[in-house]
C-alpha cells in the first residue's frame, strides 16, 4: 500500500519532532506510525521505522520531499506538535516545529495562533484520557498497585498544569461519573478516539483481574469504531511488555 504525499509528510514531520530532543528509540516510532494508518503493512512499517530511527536519513528525506499543499499545512503541523505534547514540549520541540513550518513556507504568526489552540485542545483530550483510564482501572472494583503506578505515570506525562494533574490523580480514590461513556467516546474525532485507546491500553495488563479490564477495553474499542484488529494488537503489545511474575 503506497502512502499518500500527506501521509509521507506526516511521518517525516512527526519523526523530526520525535528527534527534537536528540534521542529516539525504536519504541517511540510506534505513535508516529500509528498517527498515519494502523493498517500499514508490516514491510512498510519496518521500512519507515528504519528511516525514523536514522536521523540523518530522515533529514535527507525531509529535504528531498516536494512541499505539501497549503491546505494541508495546519493538519501537518498539528500532528507534529501532538508528538511534542506527548512528552515534554519545550524549546527544542518549538524550534523544530518552526523549522518545519519555515521549510514548507507556512506563516509563523498563524502557526503561533494554531499552536495555542492545539495545546488547549490537547489538554482537554488529556483529561478525557485520564477519565477513561480511571474508569478502566475501577472496572473490577479494586485498584492494584501496578494500575495506580501506570495511571500516575499517564497523568504526569500530560500537558496540564500541576493543579489539574492533582485533580485527575484524585480519580484513583473515586471513579469519574461519566454518563453514556460509549457515546462520549464515539463523539470524539476519529484520531482522538484512537489516541484514547492507545493511552489506556497499557493499564489493562496491570490489573490482577485483567479479563475484566480487557472486556471493558474491547467495549471502548467498539464505541471508538477502531479498525479491525487494532484493539487486540494494542492489548497483545502491552501484555508482552508487562513484567511477568517470578516463578
Protein backbone atom coordinates (compact mmCIF):
# COMPACT_ATOMS: atom_id res chain seq x y z
CA UNK A 1 0.00 0.00 0.00
CA UNK A 2 1.64 3.23 -1.17
CA UNK A 3 1.47 6.20 1.16
CA UNK A 4 -0.11 9.42 0.01
CA UNK A 5 2.12 12.53 -0.06
CA UNK A 6 0.24 13.80 3.00
CA UNK A 7 0.92 10.56 4.93
CA UNK A 8 4.58 10.65 3.95
CA UNK A 9 4.91 14.25 5.11
CA UNK A 10 3.18 13.37 8.38
CA UNK A 11 5.63 10.55 9.12
CA UNK A 12 8.64 12.73 8.34
CA UNK A 13 7.45 15.79 10.28
CA UNK A 14 6.41 13.70 13.30
CA UNK A 15 9.70 11.82 13.15
CA UNK A 16 11.72 15.03 13.18
CA UNK A 17 9.67 16.23 16.14
CA UNK A 18 10.37 12.97 17.99
CA UNK A 19 14.10 13.55 17.35
CA UNK A 20 13.96 17.17 18.55
CA UNK A 21 15.36 16.38 22.00
CA UNK A 22 18.25 14.45 20.44
CA UNK A 23 17.07 10.96 21.36
CA UNK A 24 14.77 8.42 19.72
CA UNK A 25 14.26 4.73 20.45
CA UNK A 26 12.55 2.18 18.21
CA UNK A 27 9.52 2.04 20.51
CA UNK A 28 8.98 5.76 20.11
CA UNK A 29 8.34 5.22 16.40
CA UNK A 30 5.03 3.48 17.11
CA UNK A 31 2.93 6.60 17.88
CA UNK A 32 4.38 8.29 14.79
CA UNK A 33 3.36 5.40 12.54
CA UNK A 34 0.06 4.96 14.36
CA UNK A 35 -0.80 8.55 13.51
CA UNK A 36 -0.84 7.52 9.85
CA UNK A 37 -2.72 4.28 9.48
CA UNK A 38 -3.00 1.25 11.73
CA UNK A 39 -3.28 -0.88 8.58
CA UNK A 40 0.25 -0.08 7.39
CA UNK A 41 1.64 -3.41 6.12
CA UNK A 42 4.48 -4.96 8.17
CA UNK A 43 7.07 -4.44 5.42
CA UNK A 44 6.17 -0.76 5.05
CA UNK A 45 6.12 -0.32 8.83
CA UNK A 46 9.60 -1.86 9.05
CA UNK A 47 10.92 0.36 6.25
CA UNK A 48 9.56 3.53 7.80
CA UNK A 49 10.69 2.54 11.29
CA UNK A 50 14.24 2.12 9.98
CA UNK A 51 14.07 5.57 8.37
CA UNK A 52 12.68 7.17 11.52
CA UNK A 53 15.48 5.79 13.68
CA UNK A 54 18.17 7.10 11.33
CA UNK A 55 18.01 10.87 11.82
CA UNK A 56 20.45 11.64 9.01
CA UNK A 57 18.40 9.61 6.54
CA UNK A 58 15.23 11.25 7.83
CA UNK A 59 16.75 14.71 7.33
CA UNK A 60 17.71 13.84 3.75
CA UNK A 61 14.19 12.60 3.06
CA UNK A 62 12.79 15.81 4.58
CA UNK A 63 14.92 17.99 2.32
CA UNK A 64 14.00 16.00 -0.80
CA UNK A 65 10.22 15.91 -0.30
CA UNK A 66 8.17 18.15 -2.59
CA UNK A 67 6.28 20.67 -0.43
CA UNK A 68 2.75 19.71 0.65
CA UNK A 69 -0.31 21.61 -0.50
CA UNK A 70 -1.04 24.75 1.61
CA UNK A 71 -4.44 23.31 2.63
CA UNK A 72 -2.51 20.57 4.46
CA UNK A 73 -0.19 22.89 6.44
CA UNK A 74 -2.36 23.16 9.55
CA UNK A 75 -3.11 19.43 9.80
CA UNK A 76 0.54 18.51 9.22
CA UNK A 77 1.91 20.91 11.83
CA UNK A 78 -0.77 19.94 14.35
CA UNK A 79 0.20 16.28 14.04
CA UNK A 80 3.87 17.16 14.52
CA UNK A 81 3.06 19.24 17.61
CA UNK A 82 1.00 16.37 19.04
CA UNK A 83 4.22 14.34 19.21
CA UNK A 84 5.82 17.12 21.25
CA UNK A 85 2.82 17.30 23.57
CA UNK A 86 3.07 13.57 24.23
CA UNK A 87 6.38 14.27 26.00
CA UNK A 88 7.97 17.46 27.22
CA UNK A 89 7.12 20.16 24.70
CA UNK A 90 9.96 22.58 25.29
CA UNK A 91 12.24 24.94 23.39
CA UNK A 92 13.77 22.21 21.22
CA UNK A 93 10.36 20.99 20.10
CA UNK A 94 9.13 24.52 19.37
CA UNK A 95 12.25 25.24 17.34
CA UNK A 96 11.68 22.07 15.32
CA UNK A 97 8.04 22.94 14.70
CA UNK A 98 9.02 26.40 13.43
CA UNK A 99 11.77 24.89 11.29
CA UNK A 100 9.26 22.57 9.60
CA UNK A 101 6.85 25.49 9.16
CA UNK A 102 9.51 27.66 7.53
CA UNK A 103 10.56 24.79 5.27
CA UNK A 104 7.05 24.42 3.86
CA UNK A 105 6.54 28.21 3.82
CA UNK A 106 3.78 28.30 6.45
CA UNK A 107 3.12 31.62 8.18
CA UNK A 108 4.78 31.71 11.63
CA UNK A 109 2.29 34.17 13.09
CA UNK A 110 -0.56 31.91 12.04
CA UNK A 111 1.38 28.96 13.45
CA UNK A 112 1.52 30.65 16.87
CA UNK A 113 -2.27 31.03 16.86
CA UNK A 114 -2.76 27.43 15.80
CA UNK A 115 -0.30 26.15 18.41
CA UNK A 116 -2.12 27.90 21.26
CA UNK A 117 -5.38 26.26 20.17
CA UNK A 118 -3.79 22.83 19.71
CA UNK A 119 -2.20 22.98 23.15
CA UNK A 120 -5.53 23.83 24.75
CA UNK A 121 -7.30 21.05 22.86
CA UNK A 122 -4.54 18.61 23.85
CA UNK A 123 -5.16 19.47 27.49
CA UNK A 124 -8.86 18.79 27.07
CA UNK A 125 -8.13 15.45 25.39
CA UNK A 126 -5.67 14.55 28.16
CA UNK A 127 -8.41 14.96 30.73
CA UNK A 128 -10.66 12.67 28.67
CA UNK A 129 -7.89 10.06 28.53
CA UNK A 130 -7.45 10.21 32.31
CA UNK A 131 -11.18 9.77 32.91
CA UNK A 132 -11.43 6.75 30.61
CA UNK A 133 -8.28 5.29 32.19
CA UNK A 134 -9.80 5.77 35.65
CA UNK A 135 -12.99 4.04 34.57
CA UNK A 136 -10.97 1.11 33.27
CA UNK A 137 -8.90 0.60 36.42
CA UNK A 138 -12.01 0.88 38.60
CA UNK A 139 -13.91 -1.64 36.44
CA UNK A 140 -13.09 -4.59 38.72
CA UNK A 141 -13.85 -2.72 41.93
CA UNK A 142 -10.23 -2.56 43.15
CA UNK A 143 -7.09 -0.59 42.32
CA UNK A 144 -3.95 -2.73 42.23
CA UNK A 145 -0.55 -1.05 42.87
CA UNK A 146 0.67 -1.56 39.26
CA UNK A 147 -2.56 0.04 37.98
CA UNK A 148 -2.08 3.04 40.26
CA UNK A 149 1.54 3.37 39.16
CA UNK A 150 0.65 3.33 35.45
CA UNK A 151 -2.21 5.76 35.99
CA UNK A 152 0.06 8.20 37.82
CA UNK A 153 2.66 7.91 35.05
CA UNK A 154 -0.01 8.59 32.41
CA UNK A 155 -1.23 11.72 34.21
CA UNK A 156 2.28 13.03 34.91
CA UNK A 157 3.10 12.99 31.18
CA UNK A 158 0.03 15.04 30.30
CA UNK A 159 0.37 18.64 29.04
CA UNK A 160 -1.54 20.02 32.05
CA UNK A 161 -0.91 22.37 34.94
CA UNK A 162 0.05 20.74 38.23
CA UNK A 163 -3.31 21.53 39.83
CA UNK A 164 -5.19 19.78 37.02
CA UNK A 165 -2.90 16.76 37.33
CA UNK A 166 -3.61 16.64 41.06
CA UNK A 167 -7.36 16.72 40.39
CA UNK A 168 -7.05 13.84 37.93
CA UNK A 169 -4.91 11.79 40.30
CA UNK A 170 -7.77 12.03 42.79
CA UNK A 171 -9.68 9.73 40.42
CA UNK A 172 -7.65 6.90 41.95
CA UNK A 173 -9.86 7.23 45.02
CA UNK A 174 -13.16 7.61 43.21
CA UNK A 175 -14.05 6.87 39.58
CA UNK A 176 -15.46 9.68 37.46
CA UNK A 177 -19.20 9.86 36.91
CA UNK A 178 -19.43 9.87 33.14
CA UNK A 179 -22.88 9.38 31.70
CA UNK A 180 -23.07 7.47 28.44
CA UNK A 181 -19.38 6.56 28.38
CA UNK A 182 -19.59 4.98 24.95
CA UNK A 183 -21.41 7.94 23.46
CA UNK A 184 -18.84 10.31 24.97
CA UNK A 185 -16.01 8.40 23.31
CA UNK A 186 -17.87 7.99 20.00
CA UNK A 187 -18.42 11.76 19.83
CA UNK A 188 -14.67 12.44 19.62
CA UNK A 189 -12.96 12.81 16.22
CA UNK A 190 -11.52 9.53 14.91
CA UNK A 191 -7.86 10.26 15.71
CA UNK A 192 -8.71 11.35 19.24
CA UNK A 193 -10.78 8.19 19.81
CA UNK A 194 -7.78 6.09 18.82
CA UNK A 195 -5.48 8.20 20.99
CA UNK A 196 -7.68 7.38 23.98
CA UNK A 197 -7.40 3.67 23.21
CA UNK A 198 -3.61 3.81 22.84
CA UNK A 199 -3.33 5.69 26.14
CA UNK A 200 -5.46 3.37 28.27
CA UNK A 201 -4.35 0.03 26.75
CA UNK A 202 -1.24 -0.30 28.99
CA UNK A 203 -3.41 -0.26 32.12
CA UNK A 204 -5.26 -3.46 31.20
CA UNK A 205 -2.30 -5.77 31.83
CA UNK A 206 -1.52 -4.03 35.13
CA UNK A 207 -4.66 -5.39 36.81
CA UNK A 208 -4.84 -8.63 38.78
CA UNK A 209 -8.27 -9.03 37.16
CA UNK A 210 -7.05 -8.45 33.63
CA UNK A 211 -10.02 -10.14 31.95
CA UNK A 212 -12.45 -7.57 33.37
CA UNK A 213 -10.32 -4.72 32.12
CA UNK A 214 -9.91 -6.46 28.79
CA UNK A 215 -13.69 -6.69 28.31
CA UNK A 216 -14.10 -3.03 29.23
CA UNK A 217 -11.31 -2.05 26.81
CA UNK A 218 -12.86 -4.03 23.95
CA UNK A 219 -16.18 -2.29 24.61
CA UNK A 220 -14.40 1.06 24.39
CA UNK A 221 -12.76 -0.01 21.13
CA UNK A 222 -16.18 -0.91 19.74
CA UNK A 223 -17.59 2.51 20.65
CA UNK A 224 -14.48 4.11 19.16
CA UNK A 225 -15.07 2.29 15.85
CA UNK A 226 -11.45 1.15 15.97
CA UNK A 227 -10.06 -0.53 12.84
CA UNK A 228 -10.42 -4.30 12.87
CA UNK A 229 -7.70 -5.93 14.95
CA UNK A 230 -6.33 -2.72 16.47
CA UNK A 231 -7.69 -3.31 19.98
CA UNK A 232 -6.36 -6.86 20.13
CA UNK A 233 -2.98 -5.73 18.80
CA UNK A 234 -2.72 -2.99 21.43
CA UNK A 235 -3.61 -5.44 24.19
CA UNK A 236 -1.12 -8.03 22.90
CA UNK A 237 1.69 -5.48 22.69
CA UNK A 238 1.18 -4.31 26.24
CA UNK A 239 0.73 -7.82 27.61
CA UNK A 240 4.13 -8.72 26.17
CA UNK A 241 5.62 -5.57 27.66
CA UNK A 242 4.17 -6.19 31.13
CA UNK A 243 6.54 -7.65 33.75
CA UNK A 244 5.99 -11.35 34.29
CA UNK A 245 5.57 -12.74 37.81
CA UNK A 246 8.58 -14.54 39.28
CA UNK A 247 8.40 -18.32 39.11
